[in-house]
Amino acid sequence: MINELEKKVTGSGTRIVFTEGWDPRVQEAAIKLVENNIVVPILLGEPEEIEACAKENGFDVSNIQQMSPKSFDKMEEMATKMVELRRGKLDMETCKKMLQHTNYFGTMLVQMGYADGLLGGATYSTADTVRPALQLVKTAPGNALVSSCFLLVKGDQQYIMGDCSININPNADELVEITMQTAHTAKQFGIDPKVALLSYSSMGSAKGECVAKMTEASLRLKRMPIDFEIDGEMQFDCAVSPEVAALKAPDSKVAGHANTFIFPNLSSGNIGYKIAARLGGWEAIGPVLQGLNAPINDLSRGCTAQEIYKMAIVTAAQKFLDI
């Protein structure tokens, strides 16, 4: 999947802001992105910090664009715009102070069109990356929430799992939107989504609040003019095993062949993708944020340079391959 996305976005000129330009993993990924002409990386941070990191690690980042909040010549304009976006909740001085942090500065660079997307979280928390995005870039038209998914890859096999990092306990309405967003992401990345809404029950075999909301979300989606297959509620084995599906959901077009999985809550989603990654040997790429007005993605603080490189490709694909 990543190789195909890489081919599609190479040479696109997509400008990706990296909020932690002083991190050696970020610099290593940025150098590779430039060498392969994938995207145009922009390293954020103070020049001395970026240079100290490069020198310590033997990197040459002289041909990579760098930007610092302290020396940005349009800070007045940026702060004014931020005051406007926050609708008077913050004054000018507070905005200027917040914009000294590269997560807010980088998000405003995207919001004002100086960059096409943002990748952060190598040292920032998920909240530190998502909060400025929600406050400044905001949700895309037709979206009421932001969700996330992970791409699971092993050889030629690929699946998508959501939501695994944002919404704690979504209701039926929110699950409908998460499903729509995740199916959209699947299409962006060349997957024809066959969506299974997961639970501990298959087609009414058990009862409970979790089962009820997944069933309701499934019914609502089936009444909508969607262009992908969806079914549920169903157990994971029913979703992926044709033999189990033949017993538990013989009339389903999705059961036994699902490639896109929607979890009932954050706990099951987060645990599920990590079990696949740690015990199943699947490569988990993400989280990919969905529903925002621009491509902004979060990294794990334990990420490697190679993972940052791949997430930059994903971020560029969200912009360049928008459908």
Protein backbone atom coordinates (compact mmCIF):
# COMPACT_ATOMS: atom_id res chain seq x y z
CA MET A 1 0.00 0.00 0.00
CA ILE A 2 2.65 2.53 1.03
CA ASN A 3 4.71 1.79 -2.08
CA GLU A 4 1.70 2.53 -4.28
CA LEU A 5 0.92 5.73 -2.39
CA GLU A 6 4.56 6.75 -2.62
CA LYS A 7 4.48 6.43 -6.40
CA LYS A 8 1.31 8.50 -6.62
CA VAL A 9 2.49 11.41 -4.46
CA THR A 10 6.11 11.54 -5.65
CA GLY A 11 6.82 14.90 -7.22
CA SER A 12 3.47 16.35 -6.13
CA GLY A 13 5.18 19.20 -4.31
CA THR A 14 2.93 18.69 -1.28
CA ARG A 15 4.29 20.82 1.59
CA ILE A 16 4.29 19.00 4.93
CA VAL A 17 5.06 20.82 8.18
CA PHE A 18 6.92 18.83 10.85
CA THR A 19 6.26 20.37 14.26
CA GLU A 20 9.39 18.84 15.82
CA GLY A 21 12.17 19.84 13.45
CA TRP A 22 14.73 19.42 16.22
CA ASP A 23 14.06 15.67 16.57
CA PRO A 24 16.63 13.37 14.90
CA ARG A 25 13.94 10.93 13.72
CA VAL A 26 12.08 13.76 12.01
CA GLN A 27 15.25 15.05 10.38
CA GLU A 28 16.21 11.59 9.12
CA ALA A 29 12.74 11.13 7.60
CA ALA A 30 12.79 14.62 6.06
CA ILE A 31 16.15 13.99 4.41
CA LYS A 32 14.85 10.78 2.84
CA LEU A 33 11.66 12.52 1.68
CA VAL A 34 13.76 15.16 -0.09
CA GLU A 35 16.14 12.61 -1.59
CA ASN A 36 13.19 10.67 -3.06
CA ASN A 37 11.29 13.82 -4.11
CA ILE A 38 8.20 12.63 -2.21
CA VAL A 39 7.07 15.85 -0.50
CA VAL A 40 8.49 19.24 0.45
CA PRO A 41 9.21 19.00 4.20
CA ILE A 42 9.26 22.10 6.42
CA LEU A 43 11.08 21.71 9.72
CA LEU A 44 9.76 23.88 12.55
CA GLY A 45 11.89 25.02 15.46
CA GLU A 46 14.65 27.42 16.37
CA PRO A 47 17.64 27.35 13.96
CA GLU A 48 20.15 26.58 16.71
CA GLU A 49 18.10 23.59 17.92
CA ILE A 50 17.69 22.20 14.43
CA GLU A 51 21.36 22.71 13.62
CA ALA A 52 22.52 21.19 16.92
CA CYS A 53 20.49 18.05 16.24
CA ALA A 54 21.77 17.80 12.67
CA LYS A 55 25.38 18.25 13.75
CA GLU A 56 25.09 15.70 16.54
CA ASN A 57 23.66 13.09 14.17
CA GLY A 58 25.76 13.86 11.12
CA PHE A 59 22.80 15.12 9.07
CA ASP A 60 22.81 17.78 6.38
CA VAL A 61 19.51 19.66 6.49
CA SER A 62 20.75 22.78 4.72
CA ASN A 63 18.55 22.10 1.70
CA ILE A 64 15.39 21.59 3.79
CA GLN A 65 13.17 24.58 4.53
CA GLN A 66 13.13 25.62 8.17
CA MET A 67 10.74 27.99 9.92
CA SER A 68 10.78 29.51 13.40
CA PRO A 69 7.89 31.22 15.19
CA LYS A 70 10.32 33.80 16.54
CA SER A 71 11.48 34.94 13.11
CA PHE A 72 8.23 34.52 11.13
CA ASP A 73 7.67 37.85 9.42
CA LYS A 74 3.87 37.56 9.27
CA MET A 75 3.26 36.84 12.94
CA GLU A 76 0.96 39.86 13.34
CA GLU A 77 -1.19 38.64 10.49
CA MET A 78 -1.14 35.10 11.86
CA ALA A 79 -2.08 36.17 15.38
CA THR A 80 -4.89 38.37 14.04
CA LYS A 81 -6.24 35.43 12.07
CA MET A 82 -6.03 33.19 15.14
CA VAL A 83 -8.01 35.71 17.21
CA GLU A 84 -10.65 35.69 14.48
CA LEU A 85 -10.77 31.89 14.35
CA ARG A 86 -11.12 31.64 18.11
CA ARG A 87 -14.02 34.10 17.92
CA GLY A 88 -12.84 36.38 20.67
CA LYS A 89 -12.06 33.63 23.17
CA LEU A 90 -8.40 34.65 23.08
CA ASP A 91 -6.82 38.08 22.83
CA MET A 92 -3.91 39.10 20.59
CA GLU A 93 -1.19 38.67 23.19
CA THR A 94 -2.42 35.23 24.23
CA CYS A 95 -2.47 34.11 20.59
CA LYS A 96 1.07 35.40 20.01
CA LYS A 97 2.23 33.48 23.06
CA MET A 98 0.51 30.27 21.94
CA LEU A 99 1.97 30.63 18.44
CA GLN A 100 5.48 30.34 19.88
CA HIS A 101 4.66 26.63 20.29
CA THR A 102 5.27 24.84 17.01
CA ASN A 103 2.07 22.78 17.22
CA TYR A 104 -0.04 25.96 17.07
CA PHE A 105 2.36 27.73 14.70
CA GLY A 106 2.40 24.76 12.33
CA THR A 107 -1.37 24.39 12.39
CA MET A 108 -1.76 28.06 11.47
CA LEU A 109 0.72 27.63 8.62
CA VAL A 110 -1.62 24.99 7.22
CA GLN A 111 -4.73 27.06 7.94
CA MET A 112 -3.28 30.08 6.11
CA GLY A 113 -2.07 28.06 3.13
CA TYR A 114 1.69 28.20 3.76
CA ALA A 115 1.68 24.39 3.98
CA ASP A 116 -0.61 21.61 2.76
CA GLY A 117 -0.48 19.31 5.76
CA LEU A 118 1.07 18.75 9.18
CA LEU A 119 2.70 15.86 10.96
CA GLY A 120 3.41 16.07 14.68
CA GLY A 121 3.55 14.01 17.83
CA ALA A 122 7.12 12.71 17.91
CA THR A 123 7.37 14.57 21.25
CA TYR A 124 3.94 16.19 21.54
CA SER A 125 0.96 14.24 22.90
CA THR A 126 -2.02 13.36 20.70
CA ALA A 127 -4.03 16.10 22.42
CA ASP A 128 -1.28 18.63 21.65
CA THR A 129 -1.60 17.81 17.96
CA VAL A 130 -5.37 17.40 17.71
CA ARG A 131 -6.47 20.35 19.86
CA PRO A 132 -4.94 23.09 17.65
CA ALA A 133 -6.34 21.32 14.57
CA LEU A 134 -9.87 21.32 16.01
CA GLN A 135 -9.60 24.92 17.15
CA LEU A 136 -8.01 26.40 14.02
CA VAL A 137 -8.36 24.15 10.98
CA LYS A 138 -11.65 22.66 12.23
CA THR A 139 -13.73 19.89 10.74
CA ALA A 140 -14.37 19.61 7.02
CA PRO A 141 -17.83 20.54 5.68
CA GLY A 142 -20.33 17.79 6.45
CA ASN A 143 -18.28 16.44 9.36
CA ALA A 144 -19.27 16.89 12.99
CA LEU A 145 -16.34 15.05 14.54
CA VAL A 146 -12.76 13.95 14.01
CA SER A 147 -11.89 10.26 14.13
CA SER A 148 -8.88 8.10 13.38
CA CYS A 149 -7.95 4.86 11.71
CA PHE A 150 -4.91 2.64 11.37
CA LEU A 151 -3.72 0.94 8.20
CA LEU A 152 -2.71 -2.66 8.94
CA VAL A 153 -0.31 -4.11 6.38
CA LYS A 154 1.34 -7.53 6.04
CA GLY A 155 2.75 -8.44 2.65
CA ASP A 156 -0.01 -7.92 0.07
CA GLN A 157 -2.73 -7.97 2.73
CA GLN A 158 -4.14 -4.70 4.04
CA TYR A 159 -6.93 -3.73 6.40
CA ILE A 160 -8.23 -0.55 8.00
CA MET A 161 -9.34 -0.25 11.64
CA GLY A 162 -11.15 2.68 13.24
CA ASP A 163 -11.61 4.48 15.54
CA CYS A 164 -8.50 3.57 17.52
CA SER A 165 -7.27 6.81 19.10
CA ILE A 166 -9.85 9.62 19.34
CA ASN A 167 -13.49 8.90 20.28
CA ILE A 168 -13.88 7.13 23.61
CA ASN A 169 -17.43 5.79 23.43
CA PRO A 170 -19.19 6.92 20.24
CA ASN A 171 -22.98 6.68 19.98
CA ALA A 172 -24.84 5.38 16.92
CA ASP A 173 -24.81 8.79 15.19
CA GLU A 174 -21.07 9.13 15.74
CA LEU A 175 -20.43 5.58 14.58
CA VAL A 176 -22.21 6.35 11.31
CA GLU A 177 -19.89 9.31 10.75
CA ILE A 178 -16.78 7.35 11.79
CA THR A 179 -17.77 4.65 9.29
CA MET A 180 -18.24 7.17 6.48
CA GLN A 181 -14.88 8.79 7.23
CA THR A 182 -13.05 5.47 7.44
CA ALA A 183 -14.54 4.23 4.16
CA HIS A 184 -13.42 7.50 2.55
CA THR A 185 -9.88 6.93 3.82
CA ALA A 186 -9.94 3.38 2.48
CA LYS A 187 -10.83 4.69 -0.99
CA GLN A 188 -8.08 7.30 -0.81
CA PHE A 189 -5.60 4.51 -0.23
CA GLY A 190 -6.86 2.24 -2.99
CA ILE A 191 -9.00 -0.11 -0.90
CA ASP A 192 -12.55 -0.98 -1.95
CA PRO A 193 -14.14 -0.82 1.52
CA LYS A 194 -16.13 -3.78 2.78
CA VAL A 195 -17.08 -2.52 6.21
CA ALA A 196 -17.87 -4.66 9.25
CA LEU A 197 -19.32 -3.03 12.36
CA LEU A 198 -17.82 -5.14 15.13
CA SER A 199 -19.27 -6.36 18.41
CA TYR A 200 -19.36 -9.44 20.66
CA SER A 201 -22.52 -10.45 18.81
CA SER A 202 -23.23 -11.53 15.25
CA MET A 203 -26.55 -10.52 13.74
CA GLY A 204 -28.42 -10.42 17.04
CA SER A 205 -26.89 -13.49 18.68
CA ALA A 206 -26.43 -11.53 21.92
CA LYS A 207 -27.91 -8.45 23.57
CA GLY A 208 -26.46 -5.40 25.23
CA GLU A 209 -25.94 -1.65 24.89
CA CYS A 210 -22.88 -2.12 22.68
CA VAL A 211 -24.73 -4.52 20.39
CA ALA A 212 -27.71 -2.18 20.15
CA LYS A 213 -25.72 0.84 19.03
CA MET A 214 -23.74 -1.12 16.42
CA THR A 215 -26.98 -2.59 15.06
CA GLU A 216 -28.57 0.87 14.94
CA ALA A 217 -25.54 2.35 13.15
CA SER A 218 -25.65 -0.49 10.64
CA LEU A 219 -29.37 0.05 9.93
CA ARG A 220 -28.86 3.79 9.45
CA LEU A 221 -25.95 3.28 7.05
CA LYS A 222 -27.93 0.78 4.99
CA ARG A 223 -30.66 3.39 4.52
CA MET A 224 -28.13 5.93 3.22
CA PRO A 225 -27.04 6.33 -0.45
CA ILE A 226 -23.55 4.94 0.20
CA ASP A 227 -21.30 3.41 -2.45
CA PHE A 228 -19.67 0.69 -0.36
CA GLU A 229 -20.75 -2.56 1.30
CA ILE A 230 -21.44 -2.49 5.04
CA ASP A 231 -22.91 -4.96 7.50
CA GLY A 232 -23.10 -5.69 11.20
CA GLU A 233 -23.15 -6.07 14.00
CA MET A 234 -20.77 -9.01 13.80
CA GLN A 235 -17.93 -10.66 15.67
CA PHE A 236 -14.43 -10.37 14.27
CA ASP A 237 -14.19 -14.02 13.26
CA CYS A 238 -17.47 -13.67 11.38
CA ALA A 239 -16.08 -10.60 9.61
CA VAL A 240 -12.90 -12.27 8.32
CA SER A 241 -13.54 -16.02 8.09
CA PRO A 242 -15.76 -17.31 5.24
CA GLU A 243 -16.30 -20.56 7.16
CA VAL A 244 -17.54 -18.75 10.28
CA ALA A 245 -19.53 -16.28 8.19
CA ALA A 246 -21.35 -19.16 6.46
CA LEU A 247 -22.64 -20.24 9.88
CA LYS A 248 -23.25 -16.87 11.57
CA ALA A 249 -24.21 -14.55 8.68
CA PRO A 250 -24.91 -16.63 5.54
CA ASP A 251 -26.78 -13.82 3.75
CA SER A 252 -24.15 -11.11 4.32
CA LYS A 253 -22.10 -9.73 1.45
CA VAL A 254 -19.50 -8.44 3.92
CA ALA A 255 -19.11 -11.24 6.45
CA GLY A 256 -16.05 -13.36 5.75
CA HIS A 257 -14.61 -10.76 3.39
CA ALA A 258 -14.42 -7.52 5.42
CA ASN A 259 -11.35 -5.31 5.03
CA THR A 260 -12.50 -2.26 7.01
CA PHE A 261 -13.42 -2.66 10.67
CA ILE A 262 -15.34 -0.24 12.90
CA PHE A 263 -14.97 -0.80 16.64
CA PRO A 264 -17.69 0.03 19.18
CA ASN A 265 -15.39 2.09 21.40
CA LEU A 266 -11.85 3.36 21.81
CA SER A 267 -10.85 0.64 24.25
CA SER A 268 -11.62 -2.22 21.85
CA GLY A 269 -10.17 -0.35 18.87
CA ASN A 270 -6.90 0.56 20.55
CA ILE A 271 -6.45 -2.93 22.02
CA GLY A 272 -7.43 -4.58 18.74
CA TYR A 273 -4.93 -2.87 16.47
CA LYS A 274 -2.13 -3.29 19.01
CA ILE A 275 -2.78 -7.03 19.33
CA ALA A 276 -2.60 -7.30 15.54
CA ALA A 277 0.65 -5.34 15.48
CA ARG A 278 2.42 -6.91 18.45
CA LEU A 279 1.28 -10.53 18.25
CA GLY A 280 0.09 -10.83 14.67
CA GLY A 281 3.08 -9.23 13.00
CA TRP A 282 1.02 -6.60 11.16
CA GLU A 283 2.56 -3.22 10.47
CA ALA A 284 0.29 -0.53 11.93
CA ILE A 285 0.50 2.80 10.11
CA GLY A 286 -1.22 5.68 11.84
CA PRO A 287 -3.18 7.06 13.47
CA VAL A 288 -4.57 8.71 10.36
CA LEU A 289 -6.86 11.55 11.42
CA GLN A 290 -10.17 11.86 9.57
CA GLY A 291 -12.77 14.60 9.24
CA LEU A 292 -10.45 17.61 9.45
CA ASN A 293 -10.41 20.44 6.92
CA ALA A 294 -6.77 19.67 6.07
CA PRO A 295 -4.39 16.70 6.38
CA ILE A 296 -3.08 16.79 9.95
CA ASN A 297 -1.75 13.61 11.50
CA ASP A 298 -0.39 12.42 14.80
CA LEU A 299 2.67 10.31 15.49
CA SER A 300 3.42 7.94 18.32
CA ARG A 301 6.08 9.30 20.65
CA GLY A 302 7.86 5.97 20.17
CA CYS A 303 7.90 6.32 16.38
CA THR A 304 10.90 5.57 14.19
CA ALA A 305 12.24 7.63 11.29
CA GLN A 306 10.81 5.04 8.89
CA GLU A 307 7.36 5.37 10.46
CA ILE A 308 7.54 9.15 10.15
CA TYR A 309 8.53 8.76 6.50
CA LYS A 310 5.49 6.56 5.84
CA MET A 311 3.12 8.85 7.71
CA ALA A 312 4.38 11.78 5.62
CA ILE A 313 3.40 9.80 2.52
CA VAL A 314 -0.03 9.11 4.02
CA THR A 315 -0.47 12.80 4.89
CA ALA A 316 0.47 13.83 1.37
CA ALA A 317 -1.93 11.26 -0.06
CA GLN A 318 -4.79 12.74 1.98
CA LYS A 319 -4.16 16.07 0.24
CA PHE A 320 -3.01 15.01 -3.20
CA LEU A 321 -5.43 12.08 -3.66
CA ASP A 322 -8.50 13.66 -2.07
CA ILE A 323 -11.66 12.10 -3.52
